[in-house]
């Protein structure tokens, strides 16, 4: 075990909040909030635009009904993906508040800024994400449900 020049290690040195400056964290928070707003606006537009019909009083023939059902199912799948994305965004925002943003949840290592710029909701480093994907693919364990990265 190496001694660091007679300096006692401060456990707070490894705390995640020191990874980024407050300006950096505000930048990522703005990115996350903008993405959240975009998702919520898209969901509202889907409801307003009629691609999701909450009340069907009209009678349709079978072809129209099938076509509407296919379109509606696609919209629901997209909205479900957006719902999962919103949960990831909320999780990232909570991590910013807790001072834990920017660290891999699997290894504890710092996630490169470039990766966070692309997907600020990212929970894992690329290395750990690949490990999780291999586990999921081989069926040796339950992989994470984090397919948004």
N, C-alpha and C. Protein backbone atom coordinates (compact mmCIF):
# COMPACT_ATOMS: atom_id res chain seq x y z
N UNK A 1 0.84 -1.18 0.00
CA UNK A 1 0.00 0.00 0.00
C UNK A 1 0.88 1.24 0.00
N UNK A 2 0.66 2.12 -0.92
CA UNK A 2 1.50 3.31 -1.04
C UNK A 2 0.98 4.41 -0.13
N UNK A 3 1.92 5.16 0.42
CA UNK A 3 1.57 6.30 1.27
C UNK A 3 1.72 7.55 0.42
N UNK A 4 0.78 8.44 0.52
CA UNK A 4 0.78 9.64 -0.31
C UNK A 4 1.45 10.79 0.44
N UNK A 5 2.74 10.86 0.42
CA UNK A 5 3.50 11.97 0.98
C UNK A 5 2.99 12.45 2.34
N UNK A 6 2.77 11.53 3.23
CA UNK A 6 2.33 11.84 4.60
C UNK A 6 1.03 12.63 4.65
N UNK A 7 0.25 12.57 3.61
CA UNK A 7 -1.03 13.27 3.60
C UNK A 7 -2.12 12.24 3.82
N UNK A 8 -2.95 12.50 4.81
CA UNK A 8 -4.05 11.56 5.06
C UNK A 8 -5.06 11.69 3.95
N UNK A 9 -5.55 10.54 3.54
CA UNK A 9 -6.57 10.56 2.48
C UNK A 9 -7.87 11.07 3.03
N UNK A 10 -8.44 11.99 2.32
CA UNK A 10 -9.74 12.55 2.68
C UNK A 10 -10.79 11.77 1.90
N UNK A 11 -11.70 11.06 2.60
CA UNK A 11 -12.70 10.28 1.87
C UNK A 11 -13.55 11.12 0.93
N UNK A 12 -13.68 12.40 1.20
CA UNK A 12 -14.50 13.25 0.32
C UNK A 12 -13.82 13.50 -1.02
N UNK A 13 -12.50 13.15 -1.13
CA UNK A 13 -11.82 13.35 -2.42
C UNK A 13 -12.45 12.50 -3.51
N UNK A 14 -13.03 11.38 -3.15
CA UNK A 14 -13.61 10.49 -4.14
C UNK A 14 -15.09 10.75 -4.38
N UNK A 15 -15.63 11.75 -3.75
CA UNK A 15 -17.06 12.02 -3.92
C UNK A 15 -17.34 12.51 -5.33
N UNK A 16 -18.40 12.03 -5.91
CA UNK A 16 -18.74 12.38 -7.29
C UNK A 16 -18.92 13.86 -7.55
N UNK A 17 -19.36 14.63 -6.56
CA UNK A 17 -19.66 16.03 -6.84
C UNK A 17 -18.42 16.81 -7.28
N UNK A 18 -17.25 16.24 -7.10
CA UNK A 18 -16.03 16.94 -7.50
C UNK A 18 -15.65 16.65 -8.94
N UNK A 19 -16.40 15.83 -9.62
CA UNK A 19 -16.11 15.50 -11.00
C UNK A 19 -16.34 16.69 -11.92
N UNK A 20 -17.40 17.45 -11.65
CA UNK A 20 -17.76 18.59 -12.49
C UNK A 20 -17.88 19.85 -11.65
N UNK A 21 -17.66 20.98 -12.30
CA UNK A 21 -17.90 22.25 -11.63
C UNK A 21 -19.40 22.49 -11.55
N UNK A 22 -19.80 23.46 -10.77
CA UNK A 22 -21.23 23.77 -10.67
C UNK A 22 -21.77 24.23 -12.02
N UNK A 23 -20.94 24.91 -12.82
CA UNK A 23 -21.37 25.33 -14.15
C UNK A 23 -21.60 24.12 -15.05
N UNK A 24 -20.70 23.12 -14.94
CA UNK A 24 -20.87 21.89 -15.71
C UNK A 24 -22.19 21.20 -15.34
N UNK A 25 -22.44 21.10 -14.05
CA UNK A 25 -23.66 20.44 -13.58
C UNK A 25 -24.90 21.20 -14.06
N UNK A 26 -24.84 22.52 -14.04
CA UNK A 26 -25.97 23.33 -14.55
C UNK A 26 -26.17 23.07 -16.04
N UNK A 27 -25.07 22.92 -16.77
CA UNK A 27 -25.14 22.62 -18.20
C UNK A 27 -25.87 21.29 -18.43
N UNK A 28 -25.46 20.26 -17.69
CA UNK A 28 -26.10 18.94 -17.85
C UNK A 28 -27.56 19.00 -17.39
N UNK A 29 -27.83 19.74 -16.35
CA UNK A 29 -29.21 19.86 -15.87
C UNK A 29 -30.08 20.53 -16.93
N UNK A 30 -29.56 21.58 -17.57
CA UNK A 30 -30.31 22.24 -18.65
C UNK A 30 -30.57 21.27 -19.81
N UNK A 31 -29.55 20.47 -20.15
CA UNK A 31 -29.73 19.48 -21.22
C UNK A 31 -30.82 18.49 -20.87
N UNK A 32 -30.80 17.99 -19.64
CA UNK A 32 -31.79 17.01 -19.20
C UNK A 32 -33.19 17.62 -19.18
N UNK A 33 -33.30 18.85 -18.68
CA UNK A 33 -34.61 19.50 -18.62
C UNK A 33 -35.15 19.79 -20.02
N UNK A 34 -34.26 20.15 -20.96
CA UNK A 34 -34.70 20.39 -22.34
C UNK A 34 -35.21 19.10 -22.97
N UNK A 35 -34.52 17.99 -22.73
CA UNK A 35 -34.95 16.70 -23.27
C UNK A 35 -36.28 16.29 -22.65
N UNK A 36 -36.43 16.54 -21.36
CA UNK A 36 -37.67 16.22 -20.65
C UNK A 36 -38.83 17.02 -21.25
N UNK A 37 -38.61 18.30 -21.49
CA UNK A 37 -39.66 19.16 -22.07
C UNK A 37 -40.04 18.66 -23.46
N UNK A 38 -39.05 18.27 -24.24
CA UNK A 38 -39.31 17.78 -25.60
C UNK A 38 -40.19 16.52 -25.55
N UNK A 39 -39.89 15.62 -24.64
CA UNK A 39 -40.65 14.37 -24.52
C UNK A 39 -42.08 14.66 -24.09
N UNK A 40 -42.24 15.52 -23.10
CA UNK A 40 -43.58 15.86 -22.61
C UNK A 40 -44.38 16.56 -23.70
N UNK A 41 -43.73 17.48 -24.42
CA UNK A 41 -44.41 18.18 -25.52
C UNK A 41 -44.83 17.20 -26.62
N UNK A 42 -43.99 16.23 -26.94
CA UNK A 42 -44.33 15.22 -27.96
C UNK A 42 -45.53 14.38 -27.51
N UNK A 43 -45.56 14.02 -26.25
CA UNK A 43 -46.68 13.23 -25.74
C UNK A 43 -47.98 14.04 -25.80
N UNK A 44 -47.90 15.30 -25.42
CA UNK A 44 -49.10 16.16 -25.49
C UNK A 44 -49.57 16.31 -26.93
N UNK A 45 -48.61 16.47 -27.84
CA UNK A 45 -48.96 16.61 -29.26
C UNK A 45 -49.60 15.33 -29.80
N UNK A 46 -49.13 14.18 -29.34
CA UNK A 46 -49.71 12.91 -29.80
C UNK A 46 -51.16 12.80 -29.37
N UNK A 47 -51.44 13.24 -28.17
CA UNK A 47 -52.83 13.20 -27.68
C UNK A 47 -53.67 14.22 -28.43
N UNK A 48 -53.15 15.46 -28.56
CA UNK A 48 -53.90 16.50 -29.26
C UNK A 48 -54.07 16.19 -30.74
N UNK A 49 -53.04 15.58 -31.35
CA UNK A 49 -53.07 15.33 -32.79
C UNK A 49 -53.97 14.18 -33.19
N UNK A 50 -54.46 13.45 -32.24
CA UNK A 50 -55.40 12.39 -32.56
C UNK A 50 -54.78 11.04 -32.81
N UNK A 51 -53.44 10.93 -32.69
CA UNK A 51 -52.85 9.61 -32.90
C UNK A 51 -53.14 8.70 -31.71
N UNK A 52 -53.59 9.31 -30.63
CA UNK A 52 -54.09 8.53 -29.50
C UNK A 52 -55.53 8.97 -29.29
N UNK A 53 -56.41 8.06 -29.49
CA UNK A 53 -57.82 8.39 -29.32
C UNK A 53 -58.29 7.81 -28.00
N UNK A 54 -58.67 8.70 -27.11
CA UNK A 54 -59.09 8.26 -25.80
C UNK A 54 -60.55 7.84 -25.78
N UNK A 55 -61.31 8.32 -26.78
CA UNK A 55 -62.74 7.99 -26.83
C UNK A 55 -63.10 7.75 -28.29
N UNK A 56 -63.58 6.56 -28.61
CA UNK A 56 -63.96 6.24 -29.99
C UNK A 56 -65.46 6.03 -30.06
N UNK A 57 -66.15 7.02 -30.57
CA UNK A 57 -67.59 6.90 -30.74
C UNK A 57 -67.96 6.50 -32.16
N UNK A 58 -66.99 6.69 -33.08
CA UNK A 58 -67.31 6.43 -34.48
C UNK A 58 -67.17 4.96 -34.82
N UNK A 59 -67.91 4.54 -35.78
CA UNK A 59 -67.83 3.17 -36.25
C UNK A 59 -66.88 3.14 -37.45
N UNK A 60 -65.97 2.17 -37.45
CA UNK A 60 -65.02 2.06 -38.55
C UNK A 60 -65.19 0.70 -39.21
N UNK A 61 -64.83 0.66 -40.49
CA UNK A 61 -64.80 -0.65 -41.11
C UNK A 61 -63.52 -1.37 -40.66
N UNK A 62 -63.39 -2.62 -40.98
CA UNK A 62 -62.28 -3.43 -40.48
C UNK A 62 -60.92 -2.90 -40.92
N UNK A 63 -60.80 -2.44 -42.16
CA UNK A 63 -59.53 -1.93 -42.66
C UNK A 63 -59.13 -0.66 -41.94
N UNK A 64 -60.09 0.26 -41.77
CA UNK A 64 -59.81 1.50 -41.05
C UNK A 64 -59.43 1.21 -39.61
N UNK A 65 -60.15 0.30 -38.99
CA UNK A 65 -59.88 -0.05 -37.61
C UNK A 65 -58.49 -0.68 -37.46
N UNK A 66 -58.13 -1.56 -38.39
CA UNK A 66 -56.80 -2.19 -38.35
C UNK A 66 -55.70 -1.14 -38.53
N UNK A 67 -55.90 -0.26 -39.49
CA UNK A 67 -54.91 0.80 -39.73
C UNK A 67 -54.77 1.71 -38.51
N UNK A 68 -55.90 2.10 -37.93
CA UNK A 68 -55.87 2.96 -36.74
C UNK A 68 -55.21 2.24 -35.56
N UNK A 69 -55.48 0.96 -35.43
CA UNK A 69 -54.91 0.17 -34.35
C UNK A 69 -53.40 0.07 -34.49
N UNK A 70 -52.92 -0.17 -35.71
CA UNK A 70 -51.48 -0.25 -35.96
C UNK A 70 -50.81 1.08 -35.63
N UNK A 71 -51.38 2.17 -36.10
CA UNK A 71 -50.82 3.50 -35.82
C UNK A 71 -50.82 3.80 -34.32
N UNK A 72 -51.91 3.42 -33.67
CA UNK A 72 -52.02 3.66 -32.23
C UNK A 72 -51.01 2.82 -31.46
N UNK A 73 -50.82 1.56 -31.86
CA UNK A 73 -49.84 0.71 -31.19
C UNK A 73 -48.43 1.25 -31.33
N UNK A 74 -48.10 1.76 -32.52
CA UNK A 74 -46.80 2.37 -32.73
C UNK A 74 -46.63 3.58 -31.82
N UNK A 75 -47.65 4.39 -31.75
CA UNK A 75 -47.60 5.57 -30.89
C UNK A 75 -47.41 5.16 -29.43
N UNK A 76 -48.12 4.14 -28.99
CA UNK A 76 -47.98 3.67 -27.62
C UNK A 76 -46.56 3.15 -27.35
N UNK A 77 -45.98 2.44 -28.33
CA UNK A 77 -44.61 1.95 -28.15
C UNK A 77 -43.64 3.12 -28.03
N UNK A 78 -43.82 4.13 -28.87
CA UNK A 78 -42.96 5.30 -28.80
C UNK A 78 -43.14 6.04 -27.48
N UNK A 79 -44.38 6.16 -27.05
CA UNK A 79 -44.64 6.83 -25.77
C UNK A 79 -44.09 6.02 -24.60
N UNK A 80 -44.12 4.70 -24.70
CA UNK A 80 -43.55 3.87 -23.64
C UNK A 80 -42.04 4.08 -23.57
N UNK A 81 -41.40 4.16 -24.72
CA UNK A 81 -39.96 4.45 -24.75
C UNK A 81 -39.69 5.82 -24.13
N UNK A 82 -40.54 6.79 -24.47
CA UNK A 82 -40.40 8.12 -23.88
C UNK A 82 -40.62 8.10 -22.37
N UNK A 83 -41.55 7.27 -21.92
CA UNK A 83 -41.81 7.14 -20.48
C UNK A 83 -40.56 6.62 -19.77
N UNK A 84 -39.92 5.63 -20.38
CA UNK A 84 -38.68 5.09 -19.80
C UNK A 84 -37.58 6.15 -19.81
N UNK A 85 -37.52 6.91 -20.90
CA UNK A 85 -36.53 7.97 -21.00
C UNK A 85 -36.76 9.03 -19.92
N UNK A 86 -38.02 9.37 -19.69
CA UNK A 86 -38.33 10.34 -18.63
C UNK A 86 -37.85 9.84 -17.27
N UNK A 87 -38.01 8.56 -17.01
CA UNK A 87 -37.55 7.99 -15.75
C UNK A 87 -36.02 8.10 -15.64
N UNK A 88 -35.33 7.86 -16.75
CA UNK A 88 -33.87 7.99 -16.75
C UNK A 88 -33.44 9.43 -16.53
N UNK A 89 -34.16 10.36 -17.15
CA UNK A 89 -33.86 11.78 -16.98
C UNK A 89 -34.08 12.20 -15.54
N UNK A 90 -35.20 11.78 -14.96
CA UNK A 90 -35.48 12.10 -13.55
C UNK A 90 -34.40 11.53 -12.64
N UNK A 91 -33.95 10.31 -12.94
CA UNK A 91 -32.90 9.68 -12.16
C UNK A 91 -31.61 10.50 -12.23
N UNK A 92 -31.25 10.95 -13.44
CA UNK A 92 -30.05 11.77 -13.62
C UNK A 92 -30.17 13.10 -12.88
N UNK A 93 -31.35 13.71 -12.93
CA UNK A 93 -31.56 14.97 -12.21
C UNK A 93 -31.41 14.78 -10.70
N UNK A 94 -31.91 13.67 -10.19
CA UNK A 94 -31.75 13.35 -8.77
C UNK A 94 -30.28 13.15 -8.41
N UNK A 95 -29.54 12.51 -9.32
CA UNK A 95 -28.11 12.30 -9.07
C UNK A 95 -27.36 13.63 -9.04
N UNK A 96 -27.78 14.57 -9.87
CA UNK A 96 -27.16 15.90 -9.83
C UNK A 96 -27.41 16.53 -8.47
N UNK A 97 -28.66 16.48 -8.02
CA UNK A 97 -29.00 17.06 -6.71
C UNK A 97 -28.25 16.40 -5.57
N UNK A 98 -28.05 15.09 -5.68
CA UNK A 98 -27.38 14.33 -4.61
C UNK A 98 -25.85 14.42 -4.70
N UNK A 99 -25.34 15.05 -5.75
CA UNK A 99 -23.89 15.14 -5.92
C UNK A 99 -23.25 13.86 -6.40
N UNK A 100 -24.01 13.03 -7.12
CA UNK A 100 -23.51 11.73 -7.56
C UNK A 100 -23.50 11.60 -9.08
N UNK A 101 -23.68 12.70 -9.76
CA UNK A 101 -23.81 12.65 -11.22
C UNK A 101 -22.45 12.42 -11.88
N UNK A 102 -22.45 11.61 -12.93
CA UNK A 102 -21.27 11.45 -13.76
C UNK A 102 -20.42 10.24 -13.42
N UNK A 103 -20.91 9.39 -12.53
CA UNK A 103 -20.17 8.20 -12.15
C UNK A 103 -20.95 6.95 -12.51
N UNK A 104 -20.26 5.95 -13.00
CA UNK A 104 -20.86 4.69 -13.39
C UNK A 104 -21.48 4.02 -12.16
N UNK A 105 -22.73 3.61 -12.29
CA UNK A 105 -23.42 2.96 -11.18
C UNK A 105 -22.93 1.54 -10.96
N UNK A 106 -22.22 0.98 -11.92
CA UNK A 106 -21.72 -0.37 -11.78
C UNK A 106 -20.30 -0.45 -11.25
N UNK A 107 -19.47 0.50 -11.66
CA UNK A 107 -18.06 0.45 -11.28
C UNK A 107 -17.63 1.60 -10.38
N UNK A 108 -18.37 2.68 -10.40
CA UNK A 108 -17.99 3.85 -9.62
C UNK A 108 -17.01 4.76 -10.33
N UNK A 109 -16.54 4.34 -11.50
CA UNK A 109 -15.58 5.18 -12.22
C UNK A 109 -16.30 6.32 -12.93
N UNK A 110 -15.54 7.36 -13.22
CA UNK A 110 -16.11 8.53 -13.90
C UNK A 110 -16.53 8.16 -15.31
N UNK A 111 -17.68 8.66 -15.72
CA UNK A 111 -18.16 8.49 -17.09
C UNK A 111 -17.58 9.66 -17.89
N UNK A 112 -16.96 9.39 -19.02
CA UNK A 112 -16.37 10.49 -19.80
C UNK A 112 -17.40 11.55 -20.17
N UNK A 113 -16.97 12.78 -20.11
CA UNK A 113 -17.84 13.91 -20.41
C UNK A 113 -18.46 13.77 -21.80
N UNK A 114 -17.68 13.29 -22.76
CA UNK A 114 -18.18 13.14 -24.14
C UNK A 114 -19.42 12.24 -24.16
N UNK A 115 -19.39 11.16 -23.38
CA UNK A 115 -20.53 10.24 -23.32
C UNK A 115 -21.73 10.94 -22.69
N UNK A 116 -21.50 11.73 -21.67
CA UNK A 116 -22.59 12.44 -21.01
C UNK A 116 -23.15 13.56 -21.90
N UNK A 117 -22.31 14.14 -22.74
CA UNK A 117 -22.80 15.17 -23.67
C UNK A 117 -23.77 14.55 -24.69
N UNK A 118 -23.51 13.31 -25.08
CA UNK A 118 -24.35 12.61 -26.04
C UNK A 118 -25.63 12.12 -25.38
N UNK A 119 -25.50 11.54 -24.19
CA UNK A 119 -26.65 10.99 -23.46
C UNK A 119 -26.49 11.35 -21.98
N UNK A 120 -26.95 12.53 -21.58
CA UNK A 120 -26.72 12.99 -20.20
C UNK A 120 -27.42 12.14 -19.14
N UNK A 121 -28.29 11.25 -19.54
CA UNK A 121 -28.99 10.37 -18.59
C UNK A 121 -28.22 9.07 -18.37
N UNK A 122 -27.08 8.91 -19.01
CA UNK A 122 -26.30 7.69 -18.95
C UNK A 122 -25.97 7.30 -17.51
N UNK A 123 -26.16 6.02 -17.19
CA UNK A 123 -25.87 5.49 -15.86
C UNK A 123 -24.54 4.75 -15.78
N UNK A 124 -24.03 4.29 -16.93
CA UNK A 124 -22.87 3.41 -16.91
C UNK A 124 -21.79 3.86 -17.89
N UNK A 125 -20.57 3.49 -17.57
CA UNK A 125 -19.46 3.69 -18.50
C UNK A 125 -19.67 2.71 -19.67
N UNK A 126 -19.01 2.97 -20.76
CA UNK A 126 -19.14 2.10 -21.93
C UNK A 126 -18.69 0.69 -21.57
N UNK A 127 -17.60 0.59 -20.86
CA UNK A 127 -17.06 -0.73 -20.48
C UNK A 127 -18.07 -1.53 -19.66
N UNK A 128 -18.68 -0.89 -18.68
CA UNK A 128 -19.65 -1.60 -17.83
C UNK A 128 -20.94 -1.90 -18.62
N UNK A 129 -21.35 -0.99 -19.48
CA UNK A 129 -22.54 -1.21 -20.30
C UNK A 129 -22.34 -2.41 -21.21
N UNK A 130 -21.15 -2.53 -21.80
CA UNK A 130 -20.85 -3.69 -22.64
C UNK A 130 -20.89 -4.97 -21.81
N UNK A 131 -20.37 -4.92 -20.59
CA UNK A 131 -20.41 -6.06 -19.68
C UNK A 131 -21.87 -6.46 -19.41
N UNK A 132 -22.72 -5.49 -19.13
CA UNK A 132 -24.13 -5.76 -18.86
C UNK A 132 -24.81 -6.38 -20.09
N UNK A 133 -24.47 -5.88 -21.26
CA UNK A 133 -25.05 -6.41 -22.50
C UNK A 133 -24.62 -7.86 -22.73
N UNK A 134 -23.34 -8.17 -22.44
CA UNK A 134 -22.88 -9.56 -22.58
C UNK A 134 -23.63 -10.47 -21.62
N UNK A 135 -23.81 -10.04 -20.40
CA UNK A 135 -24.54 -10.84 -19.41
C UNK A 135 -25.98 -11.06 -19.88
N UNK A 136 -26.60 -10.01 -20.36
CA UNK A 136 -27.98 -10.09 -20.84
C UNK A 136 -28.08 -11.03 -22.03
N UNK A 137 -27.12 -10.92 -22.94
CA UNK A 137 -27.12 -11.72 -24.17
C UNK A 137 -26.92 -13.20 -23.87
N UNK A 138 -26.06 -13.51 -22.93
CA UNK A 138 -25.78 -14.92 -22.62
C UNK A 138 -26.80 -15.51 -21.67
N UNK A 139 -27.61 -14.66 -21.08
CA UNK A 139 -28.64 -15.14 -20.17
C UNK A 139 -28.10 -15.59 -18.83
N UNK A 140 -26.87 -15.18 -18.49
CA UNK A 140 -26.27 -15.58 -17.22
C UNK A 140 -26.72 -14.72 -16.06
N UNK A 141 -27.47 -13.74 -16.32
CA UNK A 141 -27.94 -12.87 -15.26
C UNK A 141 -28.97 -11.94 -15.81
N UNK A 142 -29.54 -11.19 -14.96
CA UNK A 142 -30.53 -10.22 -15.39
C UNK A 142 -29.78 -8.95 -15.71
N UNK A 143 -29.79 -8.58 -16.98
CA UNK A 143 -29.14 -7.34 -17.38
C UNK A 143 -30.00 -6.16 -16.96
N UNK A 144 -29.40 -4.99 -17.06
CA UNK A 144 -30.19 -3.82 -16.70
C UNK A 144 -31.23 -3.54 -17.77
N UNK A 145 -32.24 -2.82 -17.39
CA UNK A 145 -33.33 -2.49 -18.33
C UNK A 145 -33.04 -1.13 -18.96
N UNK A 146 -31.79 -0.79 -19.02
CA UNK A 146 -31.37 0.53 -19.42
C UNK A 146 -30.97 0.52 -20.88
N UNK A 147 -31.92 0.35 -21.77
CA UNK A 147 -31.60 0.25 -23.19
C UNK A 147 -31.65 1.58 -23.89
N UNK A 148 -31.64 2.65 -23.15
CA UNK A 148 -31.76 3.97 -23.75
C UNK A 148 -30.41 4.59 -24.06
N UNK A 149 -29.35 3.99 -23.60
CA UNK A 149 -28.02 4.57 -23.82
C UNK A 149 -27.53 4.27 -25.20
